[in-house]
């Protein structure tokens, strides 16, 4: 398993296997930027960690095939439903993928990726998701949205995206205090139709701009016993 950071992890409970994809060369950003410039990303691939619960160990292996038309991303939003995992947003540059020579700043990626557990295949769906990017990248702030699967709604469940940071800049560079955070609306993805929807939220939401350098947030979800309300 190559040394990367900000990867995307997918857990298949039926196989006790964690799949790892995405990420950037370790040292990108605030850690060791000078070192990162000297490091090239490893070959694009998906890795699998098979868990042995009896022995309390795990074994890494690399999947045999990888689509060359899909460059590895970092800082993407992702979640799984037991059959497949979906990826929205993230960015691509010459420190995330060997398939591109894009230098700093990297490019934010629209579109939708799907990883199917059974076939081990990664597919790029051409959908109009430019307004639903899961993350944006403008130095020094870059924050992905939270994506979570809600199993009890819709025909095959739905995915909810909330948060994430929009790009705001000024003549002097990045304007962290006035950066746009996407808590005032939620994005809904329906895997049965591959369609995206958006609706506004009600009530107060987190004021992330009070922090000088806002970076990450996380989310968990729970459904009530009547399976009518999902809290995130």
Protein backbone atom coordinates (compact mmCIF):
# COMPACT_ATOMS: atom_id res chain seq x y z
CA UNK A 1 0.00 0.00 0.00
CA UNK A 2 1.67 3.29 -1.08
CA UNK A 3 2.10 6.18 1.40
CA UNK A 4 -0.68 8.64 0.52
CA UNK A 5 -2.91 11.00 2.51
CA UNK A 6 -6.60 11.92 2.34
CA UNK A 7 -7.58 8.67 0.63
CA UNK A 8 -11.13 7.37 0.23
CA UNK A 9 -11.99 4.16 2.12
CA UNK A 10 -14.85 1.78 1.25
CA UNK A 11 -15.85 -1.04 3.64
CA UNK A 12 -17.60 -4.16 2.37
CA UNK A 13 -19.07 -5.85 5.45
CA UNK A 14 -19.99 -9.03 3.57
CA UNK A 15 -16.34 -9.67 2.73
CA UNK A 16 -14.71 -7.97 5.72
CA UNK A 17 -12.66 -6.00 3.23
CA UNK A 18 -11.63 -2.33 3.16
CA UNK A 19 -10.93 -0.85 -0.27
CA UNK A 20 -8.63 2.16 -0.53
CA UNK A 21 -8.60 4.58 -3.45
CA UNK A 22 -7.59 8.16 -4.06
CA UNK A 23 -5.24 10.30 -2.05
CA UNK A 24 -2.27 12.55 -2.67
CA UNK A 25 1.45 12.17 -2.12
CA UNK A 26 2.19 12.42 1.59
CA UNK A 27 3.58 15.81 2.50
CA UNK A 28 1.19 17.86 0.37
CA UNK A 29 -0.09 21.04 1.95
CA UNK A 30 0.97 22.26 5.35
CA UNK A 31 3.12 19.27 6.34
CA UNK A 32 6.27 19.22 4.19
CA UNK A 33 5.49 21.09 0.93
CA UNK A 34 9.15 21.19 -0.16
CA UNK A 35 9.39 17.40 0.14
CA UNK A 36 6.08 16.89 -1.65
CA UNK A 37 7.35 18.73 -4.72
CA UNK A 38 10.10 16.12 -5.08
CA UNK A 39 7.77 13.14 -4.80
CA UNK A 40 5.75 11.62 -7.62
CA UNK A 41 2.50 9.71 -6.96
CA UNK A 42 2.57 5.92 -7.31
CA UNK A 43 0.73 4.17 -10.12
CA UNK A 44 -3.04 4.70 -9.99
CA UNK A 45 -4.70 1.67 -8.41
CA UNK A 46 -7.30 0.39 -5.95
CA UNK A 47 -6.03 -1.52 -2.93
CA UNK A 48 -7.91 -4.00 -0.73
CA UNK A 49 -7.30 -4.88 2.92
CA UNK A 50 -8.80 -8.28 3.74
CA UNK A 51 -9.46 -8.53 7.48
CA UNK A 52 -8.88 -11.77 9.36
CA UNK A 53 -10.93 -11.37 12.53
CA UNK A 54 -9.76 -14.68 14.01
CA UNK A 55 -6.08 -13.84 13.72
CA UNK A 56 -6.73 -10.11 14.21
CA UNK A 57 -4.63 -9.27 11.19
CA UNK A 58 -5.14 -7.97 7.68
CA UNK A 59 -3.51 -8.47 4.31
CA UNK A 60 -3.15 -5.85 1.57
CA UNK A 61 -3.51 -6.70 -2.10
CA UNK A 62 -3.82 -4.66 -5.27
CA UNK A 63 -6.76 -5.07 -7.64
CA UNK A 64 -5.68 -6.35 -11.05
CA UNK A 65 -7.28 -3.76 -13.30
CA UNK A 66 -7.76 0.01 -13.18
CA UNK A 67 -9.47 2.33 -15.73
CA UNK A 68 -6.92 4.74 -17.19
CA UNK A 69 -9.59 7.33 -17.98
CA UNK A 70 -10.19 7.96 -14.24
CA UNK A 71 -7.31 9.80 -12.53
CA UNK A 72 -6.92 9.33 -8.79
CA UNK A 73 -8.55 12.09 -6.72
CA UNK A 74 -8.00 13.48 -3.26
CA UNK A 75 -10.35 15.23 -0.80
CA UNK A 76 -13.43 13.63 -2.34
CA UNK A 77 -16.81 13.00 -0.71
CA UNK A 78 -17.83 9.34 -0.64
CA UNK A 79 -20.19 6.81 0.98
CA UNK A 80 -21.36 3.21 0.42
CA UNK A 81 -24.65 1.31 0.52
CA UNK A 82 -23.47 -2.30 0.76
CA UNK A 83 -23.50 -2.91 -3.00
CA UNK A 84 -21.67 0.10 -4.36
CA UNK A 85 -19.83 3.24 -3.31
CA UNK A 86 -20.14 6.68 -4.86
CA UNK A 87 -17.64 9.52 -5.08
CA UNK A 88 -18.44 13.19 -5.69
CA UNK A 89 -15.96 16.03 -6.05
CA UNK A 90 -12.33 15.99 -5.03
CA UNK A 91 -9.41 17.36 -6.97
CA UNK A 92 -6.78 16.06 -9.39
CA UNK A 93 -3.19 17.14 -9.91
CA UNK A 94 0.27 15.78 -10.58
CA UNK A 95 0.55 14.71 -6.92
CA UNK A 96 -2.64 12.63 -6.97
CA UNK A 97 -2.39 10.74 -10.25
CA UNK A 98 0.12 9.54 -12.84
CA UNK A 99 -2.49 10.18 -15.55
CA UNK A 100 -2.14 13.97 -15.47
CA UNK A 101 0.60 16.60 -15.45
CA UNK A 102 -1.57 19.36 -13.92
CA UNK A 103 0.63 21.38 -11.55
CA UNK A 104 -0.42 23.50 -8.56
CA UNK A 105 -3.12 24.48 -8.08
CA UNK A 106 -4.88 21.18 -8.79
CA UNK A 107 -8.25 21.05 -10.53
CA UNK A 108 -11.59 20.42 -8.82
CA UNK A 109 -13.41 17.51 -10.45
CA UNK A 110 -17.15 17.40 -11.21
CA UNK A 111 -19.03 14.22 -12.08
CA UNK A 112 -19.89 11.02 -10.25
CA UNK A 113 -17.80 7.88 -9.74
CA UNK A 114 -19.22 4.48 -8.79
CA UNK A 115 -17.28 1.52 -7.34
CA UNK A 116 -19.17 -1.78 -7.40
CA UNK A 117 -18.15 -4.33 -4.77
CA UNK A 118 -19.08 -7.45 -6.78
CA UNK A 119 -17.35 -6.59 -10.04
CA UNK A 120 -14.55 -4.53 -8.43
CA UNK A 121 -15.16 -1.96 -11.17
CA UNK A 122 -14.77 1.83 -11.00
CA UNK A 123 -17.04 3.75 -13.40
CA UNK A 124 -17.30 7.43 -14.27
CA UNK A 125 -20.89 8.59 -14.82
CA UNK A 126 -21.31 11.72 -16.91
CA UNK A 127 -23.85 13.63 -14.86
CA UNK A 128 -24.37 17.36 -14.42
CA UNK A 129 -23.05 17.76 -10.89
CA UNK A 130 -21.08 20.98 -11.27
CA UNK A 131 -23.23 22.67 -8.62
CA UNK A 132 -22.77 19.69 -6.28
CA UNK A 133 -19.01 19.41 -6.07
CA UNK A 134 -18.14 17.63 -2.87
CA UNK A 135 -15.06 19.75 -2.32
CA UNK A 136 -13.29 22.76 -3.68
CA UNK A 137 -9.61 23.57 -3.62
CA UNK A 138 -8.11 27.02 -3.25
CA UNK A 139 -4.99 27.26 -1.13
CA UNK A 140 -4.76 27.23 1.80
CA UNK A 141 -8.30 25.98 2.55
CA UNK A 142 -9.85 22.88 1.04
CA UNK A 143 -12.73 21.08 2.71
CA UNK A 144 -14.88 18.25 1.33
CA UNK A 145 -18.57 17.89 2.05
CA UNK A 146 -19.89 15.08 4.22
CA UNK A 147 -21.65 12.31 2.31
CA UNK A 148 -23.73 9.71 4.11
CA UNK A 149 -26.04 6.88 3.01
CA UNK A 150 -29.64 6.88 4.29
CA UNK A 151 -31.06 3.36 3.77
CA UNK A 152 -34.70 3.87 4.72
CA UNK A 153 -35.73 6.41 2.09
CA UNK A 154 -36.33 6.00 -1.65
CA UNK A 155 -36.28 2.82 -3.70
CA UNK A 156 -32.63 2.00 -2.99
CA UNK A 157 -31.91 4.46 -0.22
CA UNK A 158 -30.50 7.92 -0.81
CA UNK A 159 -27.23 9.75 -0.25
CA UNK A 160 -27.05 13.10 1.51
CA UNK A 161 -24.27 15.65 1.00
CA UNK A 162 -23.94 18.59 3.37
CA UNK A 163 -21.22 21.09 4.19
CA UNK A 164 -18.04 21.61 2.23
CA UNK A 165 -16.42 24.89 1.42
CA UNK A 166 -16.88 27.09 -1.64
CA UNK A 167 -14.06 29.03 -3.21
CA UNK A 168 -13.85 32.71 -2.25
CA UNK A 169 -10.81 34.82 -3.04
CA UNK A 170 -9.75 38.44 -2.94
CA UNK A 171 -6.98 40.55 -4.41
CA UNK A 172 -4.75 39.60 -1.50
CA UNK A 173 -5.39 35.87 -1.92
CA UNK A 174 -7.62 33.44 -0.05
CA UNK A 175 -10.38 35.05 2.00
CA UNK A 176 -10.91 32.47 4.76
CA UNK A 177 -13.30 34.59 6.86
CA UNK A 178 -15.71 35.06 3.96
CA UNK A 179 -15.47 31.58 2.48
CA UNK A 180 -18.82 30.08 1.55
CA UNK A 181 -19.91 27.00 3.49
CA UNK A 182 -22.72 24.83 2.16
CA UNK A 183 -24.79 24.18 5.27
CA UNK A 184 -27.70 26.30 4.08
CA UNK A 185 -28.80 23.52 1.73
CA UNK A 186 -28.47 19.75 1.35
CA UNK A 187 -27.86 17.76 -1.80
CA UNK A 188 -29.68 14.47 -2.30
CA UNK A 189 -28.42 11.75 -4.65
CA UNK A 190 -30.78 8.94 -5.73
CA UNK A 191 -28.71 5.87 -6.78
CA UNK A 192 -31.71 4.26 -8.50
CA UNK A 193 -31.91 7.07 -11.06
CA UNK A 194 -28.42 8.64 -10.70
CA UNK A 195 -30.20 11.97 -10.19
CA UNK A 196 -29.23 14.86 -7.89
CA UNK A 197 -31.62 17.12 -6.01
CA UNK A 198 -31.11 20.08 -3.68
CA UNK A 199 -33.25 21.72 -1.04
CA UNK A 200 -32.68 24.46 1.55
CA UNK A 201 -32.28 23.74 5.25
CA UNK A 202 -34.21 25.43 8.06
CA UNK A 203 -32.97 26.91 11.30
CA UNK A 204 -29.45 27.98 12.29
CA UNK A 205 -26.49 26.10 10.89
CA UNK A 206 -22.80 25.96 11.90
CA UNK A 207 -20.98 29.25 11.43
CA UNK A 208 -17.68 27.90 10.16
CA UNK A 209 -16.36 31.31 9.14
CA UNK A 210 -15.65 32.15 12.78
CA UNK A 211 -12.53 29.99 12.50
CA UNK A 212 -9.45 31.44 10.83
CA UNK A 213 -8.48 28.22 9.07
CA UNK A 214 -11.51 25.93 8.89
CA UNK A 215 -10.57 22.54 7.50
CA UNK A 216 -12.62 19.42 8.15
CA UNK A 217 -15.91 18.27 9.59
CA UNK A 218 -17.47 14.81 9.84
CA UNK A 219 -20.95 13.35 10.13
CA UNK A 220 -22.74 10.28 11.47
CA UNK A 221 -26.38 9.28 11.03
CA UNK A 222 -29.12 7.46 12.94
CA UNK A 223 -32.75 6.63 12.15
CA UNK A 224 -35.57 6.70 14.71
CA UNK A 225 -37.27 3.47 15.77
CA UNK A 226 -40.24 4.16 13.48
CA UNK A 227 -37.84 4.64 10.56
CA UNK A 228 -39.40 7.96 9.67
CA UNK A 229 -36.74 10.47 10.71
CA UNK A 230 -33.01 10.36 9.98
CA UNK A 231 -30.74 12.53 12.12
CA UNK A 232 -27.36 13.47 10.68
